[in-house]
């Protein structure tokens, strides 16, 4: 039986983990929603409105030979390592979000350096689904949860069971021991096009080469709230934290317009795109100088056409960035 109180708490944090503003049809809407976000987590001048607790890192990406069979995108066809600036983070807008929080997503955001000032971005979280299928549902979710009315919240989740999927996924799994020992997914579907013009719908997934590792709920409670940082420092002193980046190949009937929908991953073929290596920490000013924008794609990659949340994220992050960049 679903505990709606637990799901509501988890969903509120997770909701802001990937899309900090629910709706950005107009700037006024975006502004009011950022205000609502700050009302939930507090206003933290100079910091991100979402994914506030994070660690900036750097490294490189080495494409596999198979990547070019799917896409002509330059970083997936490069014969040399591609530089990467990234950021591991916890979901939500709490700058002190505890790393041991089970019902919160971990995330990784990446800038791939394509040279001459050009980049392309990739954002993934530690769950294969988001909490709302479109901005209207997301807004309704946040508005309902903000009431703190258990009856209204329970009714919302009964009427919108897709909003419970992310929290259920997280709560069914143990607390990751590290940012480097958990799987990450892209919740949006992309269309790859190769040099011959062949198209393929995919979703991204990153698997830690060190394997998944977790800790017990009790151990998580007893850890320092920021234990991921020293753990990552110790890990990187011994060598890079590496991930195998794969493309999950979509098939006919797989939804591409609903980021709450779970593809039957165990029934889908995959192609290895390459190896991501996180080699060191990066100055926060470097990865805070702009936004990690999931819509920043290159030739050979197209975003989903009918996923209503996807195109609004760029506008949303821009509003959040303008506030933290303001003098």
C-alpha atoms as a PDB file:
ATOM      1  CA  UNK A   1       0.000   0.000   0.000  1.00  0.00           C
ATOM      2  CA  UNK A   2       1.338   3.415  -0.946  1.00  0.00           C
ATOM      3  CA  UNK A   3       2.152   5.781   1.907  1.00  0.00           C
ATOM      4  CA  UNK A   4       1.041   9.084   0.398  1.00  0.00           C
ATOM      5  CA  UNK A   5       2.685  11.124   3.126  1.00  0.00           C
ATOM      6  CA  UNK A   6       6.039   9.479   2.393  1.00  0.00           C
ATOM      7  CA  UNK A   7       5.572   9.714  -1.360  1.00  0.00           C
ATOM      8  CA  UNK A   8       4.616  13.377  -1.078  1.00  0.00           C
ATOM      9  CA  UNK A   9       7.755  14.226   0.861  1.00  0.00           C
ATOM     10  CA  UNK A  10       9.962  12.291  -1.532  1.00  0.00           C
ATOM     11  CA  UNK A  11       8.231  13.652  -4.587  1.00  0.00           C
ATOM     12  CA  UNK A  12       8.539  17.274  -3.489  1.00  0.00           C
ATOM     13  CA  UNK A  13      12.308  16.919  -3.284  1.00  0.00           C
ATOM     14  CA  UNK A  14      12.568  14.852  -6.440  1.00  0.00           C
ATOM     15  CA  UNK A  15      10.307  17.202  -8.332  1.00  0.00           C
ATOM     16  CA  UNK A  16      12.848  19.988  -8.117  1.00  0.00           C
ATOM     17  CA  UNK A  17      15.725  17.654  -8.848  1.00  0.00           C
ATOM     18  CA  UNK A  18      15.409  17.779 -12.595  1.00  0.00           C
ATOM     19  CA  UNK A  19      13.155  20.691 -13.479  1.00  0.00           C
ATOM     20  CA  UNK A  20      13.276  23.547 -10.975  1.00  0.00           C
ATOM     21  CA  UNK A  21      10.453  25.567 -12.489  1.00  0.00           C
ATOM     22  CA  UNK A  22       7.237  23.899 -13.378  1.00  0.00           C
ATOM     23  CA  UNK A  23       6.047  26.191 -16.111  1.00  0.00           C
ATOM     24  CA  UNK A  24       7.693  28.878 -18.171  1.00  0.00           C
ATOM     25  CA  UNK A  25       5.124  29.904 -20.771  1.00  0.00           C
ATOM     26  CA  UNK A  26       5.902  33.494 -19.740  1.00  0.00           C
ATOM     27  CA  UNK A  27       8.534  35.111 -17.607  1.00  0.00           C
ATOM     28  CA  UNK A  28       5.976  36.051 -14.943  1.00  0.00           C
ATOM     29  CA  UNK A  29       5.038  32.413 -14.531  1.00  0.00           C
ATOM     30  CA  UNK A  30       8.666  31.450 -14.198  1.00  0.00           C
ATOM     31  CA  UNK A  31       9.334  34.152 -11.635  1.00  0.00           C
ATOM     32  CA  UNK A  32       6.377  33.153  -9.477  1.00  0.00           C
ATOM     33  CA  UNK A  33       7.387  29.509  -9.588  1.00  0.00           C
ATOM     34  CA  UNK A  34      10.967  30.274  -8.576  1.00  0.00           C
ATOM     35  CA  UNK A  35       9.507  32.203  -5.668  1.00  0.00           C
ATOM     36  CA  UNK A  36       7.478  29.124  -4.763  1.00  0.00           C
ATOM     37  CA  UNK A  37      10.596  26.979  -4.955  1.00  0.00           C
ATOM     38  CA  UNK A  38      12.443  29.361  -2.647  1.00  0.00           C
ATOM     39  CA  UNK A  39       9.492  29.294  -0.278  1.00  0.00           C
ATOM     40  CA  UNK A  40       9.833  25.512   0.011  1.00  0.00           C
ATOM     41  CA  UNK A  41      13.610  25.231   0.361  1.00  0.00           C
ATOM     42  CA  UNK A  42      14.532  28.765   1.375  1.00  0.00           C
ATOM     43  CA  UNK A  43      16.196  31.458  -0.692  1.00  0.00           C
ATOM     44  CA  UNK A  44      19.958  30.979  -0.970  1.00  0.00           C
ATOM     45  CA  UNK A  45      21.505  33.976  -2.756  1.00  0.00           C
ATOM     46  CA  UNK A  46      24.171  33.126  -5.265  1.00  0.00           C
ATOM     47  CA  UNK A  47      23.228  29.468  -5.375  1.00  0.00           C
ATOM     48  CA  UNK A  48      21.180  27.262  -7.645  1.00  0.00           C
ATOM     49  CA  UNK A  49      17.486  27.085  -6.959  1.00  0.00           C
ATOM     50  CA  UNK A  50      17.630  23.323  -7.455  1.00  0.00           C
ATOM     51  CA  UNK A  51      20.455  20.815  -7.122  1.00  0.00           C
ATOM     52  CA  UNK A  52      21.877  23.329  -4.677  1.00  0.00           C
ATOM     53  CA  UNK A  53      24.062  20.773  -2.897  1.00  0.00           C
ATOM     54  CA  UNK A  54      26.636  19.647  -5.444  1.00  0.00           C
ATOM     55  CA  UNK A  55      30.262  18.996  -6.342  1.00  0.00           C
ATOM     56  CA  UNK A  56      31.944  20.289  -9.497  1.00  0.00           C
ATOM     57  CA  UNK A  57      34.193  17.812 -11.275  1.00  0.00           C
ATOM     58  CA  UNK A  58      36.107  17.362 -14.509  1.00  0.00           C
ATOM     59  CA  UNK A  59      37.327  14.565 -16.708  1.00  0.00           C
ATOM     60  CA  UNK A  60      36.979  13.201 -20.199  1.00  0.00           C
ATOM     61  CA  UNK A  61      34.887  11.045 -22.460  1.00  0.00           C
ATOM     62  CA  UNK A  62      36.214   8.424 -24.877  1.00  0.00           C
ATOM     63  CA  UNK A  63      33.762   7.332 -27.555  1.00  0.00           C
ATOM     64  CA  UNK A  64      33.337   3.679 -28.464  1.00  0.00           C
ATOM     65  CA  UNK A  65      33.642   2.402 -32.015  1.00  0.00           C
ATOM     66  CA  UNK A  66      29.939   1.525 -31.938  1.00  0.00           C
ATOM     67  CA  UNK A  67      28.746   5.051 -31.104  1.00  0.00           C
ATOM     68  CA  UNK A  68      29.190   6.230 -34.699  1.00  0.00           C
ATOM     69  CA  UNK A  69      26.772   3.562 -35.911  1.00  0.00           C
ATOM     70  CA  UNK A  70      24.015   5.441 -34.074  1.00  0.00           C
ATOM     71  CA  UNK A  71      24.900   9.128 -34.353  1.00  0.00           C
ATOM     72  CA  UNK A  72      27.118  11.578 -36.185  1.00  0.00           C
ATOM     73  CA  UNK A  73      27.363  13.802 -33.079  1.00  0.00           C
ATOM     74  CA  UNK A  74      31.005  14.932 -32.803  1.00  0.00           C
ATOM     75  CA  UNK A  75      31.662  13.807 -29.225  1.00  0.00           C
ATOM     76  CA  UNK A  76      30.457  10.322 -30.128  1.00  0.00           C
ATOM     77  CA  UNK A  77      32.742  10.221 -33.190  1.00  0.00           C
ATOM     78  CA  UNK A  78      35.886  11.782 -31.750  1.00  0.00           C
ATOM     79  CA  UNK A  79      39.084   9.753 -32.121  1.00  0.00           C
ATOM     80  CA  UNK A  80      40.579  11.532 -29.116  1.00  0.00           C
ATOM     81  CA  UNK A  81      39.269  12.074 -25.568  1.00  0.00           C
ATOM     82  CA  UNK A  82      36.685  14.848 -25.226  1.00  0.00           C
ATOM     83  CA  UNK A  83      37.059  17.121 -22.209  1.00  0.00           C
ATOM     84  CA  UNK A  84      34.186  17.171 -19.736  1.00  0.00           C
ATOM     85  CA  UNK A  85      33.121  19.556 -16.987  1.00  0.00           C
ATOM     86  CA  UNK A  86      30.488  18.075 -14.695  1.00  0.00           C
ATOM     87  CA  UNK A  87      28.592  18.349 -11.466  1.00  0.00           C
ATOM     88  CA  UNK A  88      27.345  15.667  -9.106  1.00  0.00           C
ATOM     89  CA  UNK A  89      24.437  16.822  -6.981  1.00  0.00           C
ATOM     90  CA  UNK A  90      21.545  15.977  -4.715  1.00  0.00           C
ATOM     91  CA  UNK A  91      18.025  16.843  -5.781  1.00  0.00           C
ATOM     92  CA  UNK A  92      16.091  19.716  -4.263  1.00  0.00           C
ATOM     93  CA  UNK A  93      16.988  23.219  -3.201  1.00  0.00           C
ATOM     94  CA  UNK A  94      18.553  22.529   0.197  1.00  0.00           C
ATOM     95  CA  UNK A  95      22.274  23.456   0.116  1.00  0.00           C
ATOM     96  CA  UNK A  96      22.801  21.076   3.030  1.00  0.00           C
ATOM     97  CA  UNK A  97      20.764  18.173   1.659  1.00  0.00           C
ATOM     98  CA  UNK A  98      22.133  15.074   3.416  1.00  0.00           C
ATOM     99  CA  UNK A  99      23.874  12.593   1.149  1.00  0.00           C
ATOM    100  CA  UNK A 100      22.255   9.758   3.070  1.00  0.00           C
ATOM    101  CA  UNK A 101      18.716  10.761   2.146  1.00  0.00           C
ATOM    102  CA  UNK A 102      17.220   7.678   0.554  1.00  0.00           C
ATOM    103  CA  UNK A 103      14.250   9.254  -1.189  1.00  0.00           C
ATOM    104  CA  UNK A 104      16.258  11.900  -3.025  1.00  0.00           C
ATOM    105  CA  UNK A 105      17.814  11.530  -6.448  1.00  0.00           C
ATOM    106  CA  UNK A 106      21.501  11.831  -7.129  1.00  0.00           C
ATOM    107  CA  UNK A 107      22.347  13.559 -10.391  1.00  0.00           C
ATOM    108  CA  UNK A 108      25.163  14.132 -12.822  1.00  0.00           C
ATOM    109  CA  UNK A 109      25.248  17.026 -15.281  1.00  0.00           C
ATOM    110  CA  UNK A 110      27.862  17.218 -18.038  1.00  0.00           C
ATOM    111  CA  UNK A 111      29.299  19.742 -20.495  1.00  0.00           C
ATOM    112  CA  UNK A 112      31.181  18.048 -23.364  1.00  0.00           C
ATOM    113  CA  UNK A 113      33.852  20.361 -24.802  1.00  0.00           C
ATOM    114  CA  UNK A 114      33.557  20.273 -28.595  1.00  0.00           C
ATOM    115  CA  UNK A 115      36.231  22.918 -29.145  1.00  0.00           C
ATOM    116  CA  UNK A 116      36.094  26.570 -30.208  1.00  0.00           C
ATOM    117  CA  UNK A 117      33.809  27.371 -27.289  1.00  0.00           C
ATOM    118  CA  UNK A 118      31.154  24.873 -28.332  1.00  0.00           C
ATOM    119  CA  UNK A 119      29.596  22.422 -25.916  1.00  0.00           C
ATOM    120  CA  UNK A 120      26.806  19.907 -25.723  1.00  0.00           C
ATOM    121  CA  UNK A 121      25.169  18.858 -22.481  1.00  0.00           C
ATOM    122  CA  UNK A 122      23.789  15.737 -20.865  1.00  0.00           C
ATOM    123  CA  UNK A 123      21.835  15.511 -17.595  1.00  0.00           C
ATOM    124  CA  UNK A 124      20.960  12.285 -15.805  1.00  0.00           C
ATOM    125  CA  UNK A 125      19.469  11.262 -12.456  1.00  0.00           C
ATOM    126  CA  UNK A 126      19.512   8.102 -10.337  1.00  0.00           C
ATOM    127  CA  UNK A 127      16.000   7.071 -11.373  1.00  0.00           C
ATOM    128  CA  UNK A 128      14.646   6.270 -14.835  1.00  0.00           C
ATOM    129  CA  UNK A 129      11.538   8.436 -14.456  1.00  0.00           C
ATOM    130  CA  UNK A 130      10.427  11.958 -13.569  1.00  0.00           C
ATOM    131  CA  UNK A 131       7.462  12.913 -11.358  1.00  0.00           C
ATOM    132  CA  UNK A 132       5.131  14.530 -13.911  1.00  0.00           C
ATOM    133  CA  UNK A 133       4.300  13.957 -17.551  1.00  0.00           C
ATOM    134  CA  UNK A 134       3.822  17.629 -18.425  1.00  0.00           C
ATOM    135  CA  UNK A 135       4.141  21.097 -16.859  1.00  0.00           C
ATOM    136  CA  UNK A 136       0.444  21.310 -15.965  1.00  0.00           C
ATOM    137  CA  UNK A 137       0.585  18.097 -13.978  1.00  0.00           C
ATOM    138  CA  UNK A 138       3.834  19.186 -12.365  1.00  0.00           C
ATOM    139  CA  UNK A 139       2.329  22.490 -11.325  1.00  0.00           C
ATOM    140  CA  UNK A 140      -0.702  20.730  -9.888  1.00  0.00           C
ATOM    141  CA  UNK A 141       1.560  18.369  -7.966  1.00  0.00           C
ATOM    142  CA  UNK A 142       3.586  21.186  -6.416  1.00  0.00           C
ATOM    143  CA  UNK A 143       0.521  23.240  -5.599  1.00  0.00           C
ATOM    144  CA  UNK A 144      -1.109  20.271  -3.908  1.00  0.00           C
ATOM    145  CA  UNK A 145       1.946  19.234  -1.917  1.00  0.00           C
ATOM    146  CA  UNK A 146       2.465  22.841  -0.814  1.00  0.00           C
ATOM    147  CA  UNK A 147      -0.932  22.815   0.913  1.00  0.00           C
ATOM    148  CA  UNK A 148       0.377  20.213   3.409  1.00  0.00           C
ATOM    149  CA  UNK A 149      -3.176  18.889   3.407  1.00  0.00           C
ATOM    150  CA  UNK A 150      -2.874  15.098   3.728  1.00  0.00           C
ATOM    151  CA  UNK A 151      -6.303  14.474   2.273  1.00  0.00           C
ATOM    152  CA  UNK A 152      -5.665  16.620  -0.801  1.00  0.00           C
ATOM    153  CA  UNK A 153      -2.226  15.120  -1.278  1.00  0.00           C
ATOM    154  CA  UNK A 154      -3.611  11.600  -1.018  1.00  0.00           C
ATOM    155  CA  UNK A 155      -6.296  12.394  -3.560  1.00  0.00           C
ATOM    156  CA  UNK A 156      -3.735  13.842  -5.939  1.00  0.00           C
ATOM    157  CA  UNK A 157      -1.614  10.687  -5.894  1.00  0.00           C
ATOM    158  CA  UNK A 158      -4.649   8.453  -6.279  1.00  0.00           C
ATOM    159  CA  UNK A 159      -5.648  10.444  -9.356  1.00  0.00           C
ATOM    160  CA  UNK A 160      -2.058  10.703 -10.648  1.00  0.00           C
ATOM    161  CA  UNK A 161      -0.293   7.407  -9.882  1.00  0.00           C
ATOM    162  CA  UNK A 162       2.456   8.222 -12.399  1.00  0.00           C
ATOM    163  CA  UNK A 163       3.691  10.884  -9.961  1.00  0.00           C
ATOM    164  CA  UNK A 164       4.520   8.177  -7.406  1.00  0.00           C
ATOM    165  CA  UNK A 165       6.852   6.151  -9.617  1.00  0.00           C
ATOM    166  CA  UNK A 166      10.086   8.009  -8.923  1.00  0.00           C
ATOM    167  CA  UNK A 167       9.701   7.980  -5.144  1.00  0.00           C
ATOM    168  CA  UNK A 168       8.745   4.320  -5.193  1.00  0.00           C
ATOM    169  CA  UNK A 169      11.830   3.536  -7.283  1.00  0.00           C
ATOM    170  CA  UNK A 170      14.143   5.333  -4.858  1.00  0.00           C
ATOM    171  CA  UNK A 171      12.581   3.958  -1.709  1.00  0.00           C
ATOM    172  CA  UNK A 172      12.799   0.392  -3.054  1.00  0.00           C
ATOM    173  CA  UNK A 173      16.593   0.681  -3.307  1.00  0.00           C
ATOM    174  CA  UNK A 174      19.354   1.228  -0.748  1.00  0.00           C
ATOM    175  CA  UNK A 175      21.247   4.484  -0.288  1.00  0.00           C
ATOM    176  CA  UNK A 176      24.120   4.777  -2.803  1.00  0.00           C
ATOM    177  CA  UNK A 177      27.515   4.667  -1.110  1.00  0.00           C
ATOM    178  CA  UNK A 178      28.929   7.262  -3.480  1.00  0.00           C
ATOM    179  CA  UNK A 179      28.081   9.504  -6.396  1.00  0.00           C
ATOM    180  CA  UNK A 180      30.352   7.100  -8.289  1.00  0.00           C
ATOM    181  CA  UNK A 181      28.524   3.858  -7.441  1.00  0.00           C
ATOM    182  CA  UNK A 182      24.999   4.403  -8.705  1.00  0.00           C
ATOM    183  CA  UNK A 183      23.329   4.113 -12.103  1.00  0.00           C
ATOM    184  CA  UNK A 184      22.128   7.302 -13.795  1.00  0.00           C
ATOM    185  CA  UNK A 185      19.405   7.659 -16.425  1.00  0.00           C
ATOM    186  CA  UNK A 186      18.273  10.329 -18.823  1.00  0.00           C
ATOM    187  CA  UNK A 187      14.497  10.524 -18.440  1.00  0.00           C
ATOM    188  CA  UNK A 188      13.914  12.042 -21.888  1.00  0.00           C
ATOM    189  CA  UNK A 189      14.014  10.203 -25.223  1.00  0.00           C
ATOM    190  CA  UNK A 190      16.345  11.512 -27.934  1.00  0.00           C
ATOM    191  CA  UNK A 191      16.581  10.737 -31.628  1.00  0.00           C
ATOM    192  CA  UNK A 192      20.027   9.840 -32.904  1.00  0.00           C
ATOM    193  CA  UNK A 193      20.898  10.191 -36.592  1.00  0.00           C
ATOM    194  CA  UNK A 194      24.032   8.609 -38.035  1.00  0.00           C
ATOM    195  CA  UNK A 195      26.106   9.650 -41.048  1.00  0.00           C
ATOM    196  CA  UNK A 196      23.896   7.590 -43.366  1.00  0.00           C
ATOM    197  CA  UNK A 197      20.766   9.331 -42.141  1.00  0.00           C
ATOM    198  CA  UNK A 198      19.444   6.374 -40.164  1.00  0.00           C
ATOM    199  CA  UNK A 199      17.458   7.421 -37.103  1.00  0.00           C
ATOM    200  CA  UNK A 200      17.127   5.670 -33.754  1.00  0.00           C
ATOM    201  CA  UNK A 201      15.243   6.723 -30.624  1.00  0.00           C
ATOM    202  CA  UNK A 202      17.290   6.211 -27.463  1.00  0.00           C
ATOM    203  CA  UNK A 203      17.491   6.962 -23.769  1.00  0.00           C
ATOM    204  CA  UNK A 204      20.791   7.469 -21.995  1.00  0.00           C
ATOM    205  CA  UNK A 205      22.081   5.440 -19.080  1.00  0.00           C
ATOM    206  CA  UNK A 206      25.417   5.557 -17.247  1.00  0.00           C
ATOM    207  CA  UNK A 207      26.668   2.532 -15.323  1.00  0.00           C
ATOM    208  CA  UNK A 208      29.548   2.797 -12.816  1.00  0.00           C
ATOM    209  CA  UNK A 209      32.466   0.615 -13.887  1.00  0.00           C
ATOM    210  CA  UNK A 210      33.285   0.036 -10.219  1.00  0.00           C
ATOM    211  CA  UNK A 211      29.841  -1.498  -9.844  1.00  0.00           C
ATOM    212  CA  UNK A 212      26.881  -0.354  -7.818  1.00  0.00           C
ATOM    213  CA  UNK A 213      27.556  -0.044  -4.090  1.00  0.00           C
ATOM    214  CA  UNK A 214      25.204   0.979  -1.308  1.00  0.00           C
ATOM    215  CA  UNK A 215      24.987   1.367   2.444  1.00  0.00           C
ATOM    216  CA  UNK A 216      22.271   0.459   4.912  1.00  0.00           C
ATOM    217  CA  UNK A 217      19.651   2.955   6.012  1.00  0.00           C
ATOM    218  CA  UNK A 218      21.134   2.868   9.500  1.00  0.00           C
ATOM    219  CA  UNK A 219      24.648   3.575   8.255  1.00  0.00           C
ATOM    220  CA  UNK A 220      23.301   6.419   6.140  1.00  0.00           C
ATOM    221  CA  UNK A 221      21.728   8.033   9.206  1.00  0.00           C
ATOM    222  CA  UNK A 222      25.024   7.858  11.093  1.00  0.00           C
ATOM    223  CA  UNK A 223      27.129   9.322   8.297  1.00  0.00           C
ATOM    224  CA  UNK A 224      28.187  12.953   8.074  1.00  0.00           C
ATOM    225  CA  UNK A 225      25.575  14.721   5.901  1.00  0.00           C
ATOM    226  CA  UNK A 226      28.273  15.615   3.354  1.00  0.00           C
ATOM    227  CA  UNK A 227      30.064  12.245   3.256  1.00  0.00           C
ATOM    228  CA  UNK A 228      30.053  12.003  -0.542  1.00  0.00           C
ATOM    229  CA  UNK A 229      32.642  14.768  -0.877  1.00  0.00           C
ATOM    230  CA  UNK A 230      35.460  13.138   1.155  1.00  0.00           C
ATOM    231  CA  UNK A 231      34.529   9.750  -0.289  1.00  0.00           C
ATOM    232  CA  UNK A 232      34.930  11.091  -3.817  1.00  0.00           C
ATOM    233  CA  UNK A 233      38.207  12.826  -2.931  1.00  0.00           C
ATOM    234  CA  UNK A 234      39.626   9.573  -1.593  1.00  0.00           C
ATOM    235  CA  UNK A 235      38.340   7.641  -4.600  1.00  0.00           C
ATOM    236  CA  UNK A 236      39.808  10.059  -7.169  1.00  0.00           C
ATOM    237  CA  UNK A 237      43.184  10.001  -5.404  1.00  0.00           C
ATOM    238  CA  UNK A 238      43.379   6.337  -6.437  1.00  0.00           C
ATOM    239  CA  UNK A 239      42.162   6.792  -9.998  1.00  0.00           C
ATOM    240  CA  UNK A 240      39.253   8.064 -12.070  1.00  0.00           C
ATOM    241  CA  UNK A 241      35.619   7.325 -11.315  1.00  0.00           C
ATOM    242  CA  UNK A 242      34.424   5.789 -14.544  1.00  0.00           C
ATOM    243  CA  UNK A 243      31.041   5.138 -16.117  1.00  0.00           C
ATOM    244  CA  UNK A 244      29.991   3.229 -19.193  1.00  0.00           C
ATOM    245  CA  UNK A 245      27.589   5.450 -21.108  1.00  0.00           C
ATOM    246  CA  UNK A 246      25.050   3.455 -23.066  1.00  0.00           C
ATOM    247  CA  UNK A 247      22.106   4.109 -25.337  1.00  0.00           C
ATOM    248  CA  UNK A 248      18.955   2.127 -24.604  1.00  0.00           C
ATOM    249  CA  UNK A 249      17.370   1.522 -27.992  1.00  0.00           C
ATOM    250  CA  UNK A 250      13.703   2.394 -28.164  1.00  0.00           C
ATOM    251  CA  UNK A 251      11.218   0.263 -30.042  1.00  0.00           C
ATOM    252  CA  UNK A 252       7.832   0.919 -31.615  1.00  0.00           C
ATOM    253  CA  UNK A 253       5.339   1.838 -28.935  1.00  0.00           C
ATOM    254  CA  UNK A 254       7.881   3.100 -26.407  1.00  0.00           C
ATOM    255  CA  UNK A 255       6.581   6.459 -25.112  1.00  0.00           C
ATOM    256  CA  UNK A 256       8.741   9.442 -26.021  1.00  0.00           C
ATOM    257  CA  UNK A 257       6.442  12.177 -24.717  1.00  0.00           C
ATOM    258  CA  UNK A 258       6.104  11.118 -21.074  1.00  0.00           C
ATOM    259  CA  UNK A 259       9.151  11.207 -18.777  1.00  0.00           C
ATOM    260  CA  UNK A 260       7.169   9.376 -16.059  1.00  0.00           C
ATOM    261  CA  UNK A 261       6.849   6.311 -18.307  1.00  0.00           C
ATOM    262  CA  UNK A 262       9.284   3.461 -17.711  1.00  0.00           C
ATOM    263  CA  UNK A 263      10.651   1.677 -20.762  1.00  0.00           C
ATOM    264  CA  UNK A 264      10.993  -2.124 -20.322  1.00  0.00           C
ATOM    265  CA  UNK A 265      14.750  -1.789 -20.123  1.00  0.00           C
ATOM    266  CA  UNK A 266      15.420  -5.501 -19.631  1.00  0.00           C
ATOM    267  CA  UNK A 267      13.718  -6.124 -22.967  1.00  0.00           C
ATOM    268  CA  UNK A 268      15.629  -3.473 -24.913  1.00  0.00           C
ATOM    269  CA  UNK A 269      18.931  -3.692 -26.743  1.00  0.00           C
ATOM    270  CA  UNK A 270      21.719  -1.318 -25.789  1.00  0.00           C
ATOM    271  CA  UNK A 271      24.758   0.148 -27.507  1.00  0.00           C
ATOM    272  CA  UNK A 272      27.829   1.340 -25.639  1.00  0.00           C
ATOM    273  CA  UNK A 273      28.542   4.963 -26.497  1.00  0.00           C
ATOM    274  CA  UNK A 274      31.807   5.240 -24.606  1.00  0.00           C
ATOM    275  CA  UNK A 275      33.503   5.697 -21.258  1.00  0.00           C
ATOM    276  CA  UNK A 276      33.131   8.737 -19.016  1.00  0.00           C
ATOM    277  CA  UNK A 277      36.050   9.280 -16.647  1.00  0.00           C
ATOM    278  CA  UNK A 278      35.793  11.721 -13.742  1.00  0.00           C
ATOM    279  CA  UNK A 279      39.377  12.519 -12.835  1.00  0.00           C
ATOM    280  CA  UNK A 280      39.370  15.404 -10.368  1.00  0.00           C
ATOM    281  CA  UNK A 281      37.416  18.159  -8.692  1.00  0.00           C
ATOM    282  CA  UNK A 282      36.792  21.402 -10.581  1.00  0.00           C
ATOM    283  CA  UNK A 283      36.530  24.951  -9.264  1.00  0.00           C
ATOM    284  CA  UNK A 284      32.865  25.685  -8.590  1.00  0.00           C
ATOM    285  CA  UNK A 285      33.148  28.951 -10.519  1.00  0.00           C
ATOM    286  CA  UNK A 286      33.770  26.952 -13.690  1.00  0.00           C
ATOM    287  CA  UNK A 287      30.594  24.912 -13.608  1.00  0.00           C
ATOM    288  CA  UNK A 288      28.589  27.759 -12.095  1.00  0.00           C
ATOM    289  CA  UNK A 289      29.480  30.100 -14.977  1.00  0.00           C
ATOM    290  CA  UNK A 290      26.447  28.919 -16.934  1.00  0.00           C
ATOM    291  CA  UNK A 291      23.737  26.299 -16.948  1.00  0.00           C
ATOM    292  CA  UNK A 292      23.714  22.627 -17.808  1.00  0.00           C
ATOM    293  CA  UNK A 293      21.066  22.707 -20.498  1.00  0.00           C
ATOM    294  CA  UNK A 294      19.533  19.405 -21.670  1.00  0.00           C
ATOM    295  CA  UNK A 295      18.277  21.113 -24.828  1.00  0.00           C
ATOM    296  CA  UNK A 296      21.852  22.021 -25.829  1.00  0.00           C
ATOM    297  CA  UNK A 297      22.287  19.272 -28.407  1.00  0.00           C
ATOM    298  CA  UNK A 298      24.292  19.027 -31.622  1.00  0.00           C
ATOM    299  CA  UNK A 299      23.849  17.716 -35.138  1.00  0.00           C
ATOM    300  CA  UNK A 300      23.132  14.005 -34.880  1.00  0.00           C
ATOM    301  CA  UNK A 301      20.986  14.367 -31.755  1.00  0.00           C
ATOM    302  CA  UNK A 302      17.430  15.693 -31.547  1.00  0.00           C
ATOM    303  CA  UNK A 303      15.354  16.243 -28.437  1.00  0.00           C
ATOM    304  CA  UNK A 304      11.876  14.735 -28.072  1.00  0.00           C
ATOM    305  CA  UNK A 305       9.210  16.463 -30.148  1.00  0.00           C
ATOM    306  CA  UNK A 306       6.175  15.965 -27.916  1.00  0.00           C
ATOM    307  CA  UNK A 307       7.693  15.877 -24.438  1.00  0.00           C
ATOM    308  CA  UNK A 308       6.236  19.115 -23.062  1.00  0.00           C
ATOM    309  CA  UNK A 309       8.567  19.355 -20.087  1.00  0.00           C
ATOM    310  CA  UNK A 310      11.775  19.041 -22.106  1.00  0.00           C
ATOM    311  CA  UNK A 311      11.769  22.346 -24.066  1.00  0.00           C
ATOM    312  CA  UNK A 312      10.788  24.387 -21.027  1.00  0.00           C
ATOM    313  CA  UNK A 313      13.747  23.334 -18.944  1.00  0.00           C
ATOM    314  CA  UNK A 314      16.162  25.659 -20.721  1.00  0.00           C
ATOM    315  CA  UNK A 315      13.994  28.686 -19.929  1.00  0.00           C
ATOM    316  CA  UNK A 316      13.567  27.529 -16.364  1.00  0.00           C
ATOM    317  CA  UNK A 317      17.260  27.073 -15.696  1.00  0.00           C
ATOM    318  CA  UNK A 318      17.941  30.455 -17.272  1.00  0.00           C
ATOM    319  CA  UNK A 319      15.649  32.197 -14.788  1.00  0.00           C
ATOM    320  CA  UNK A 320      17.308  30.387 -11.907  1.00  0.00           C
ATOM    321  CA  UNK A 321      20.749  31.288 -13.273  1.00  0.00           C
ATOM    322  CA  UNK A 322      19.864  34.956 -13.671  1.00  0.00           C
ATOM    323  CA  UNK A 323      19.019  35.138  -9.990  1.00  0.00           C
ATOM    324  CA  UNK A 324      22.178  33.508  -8.725  1.00  0.00           C
ATOM    325  CA  UNK A 325      24.307  35.537 -11.144  1.00  0.00           C
ATOM    326  CA  UNK A 326      22.741  38.836 -10.116  1.00  0.00           C
ATOM    327  CA  UNK A 327      25.092  41.167  -8.166  1.00  0.00           C
END
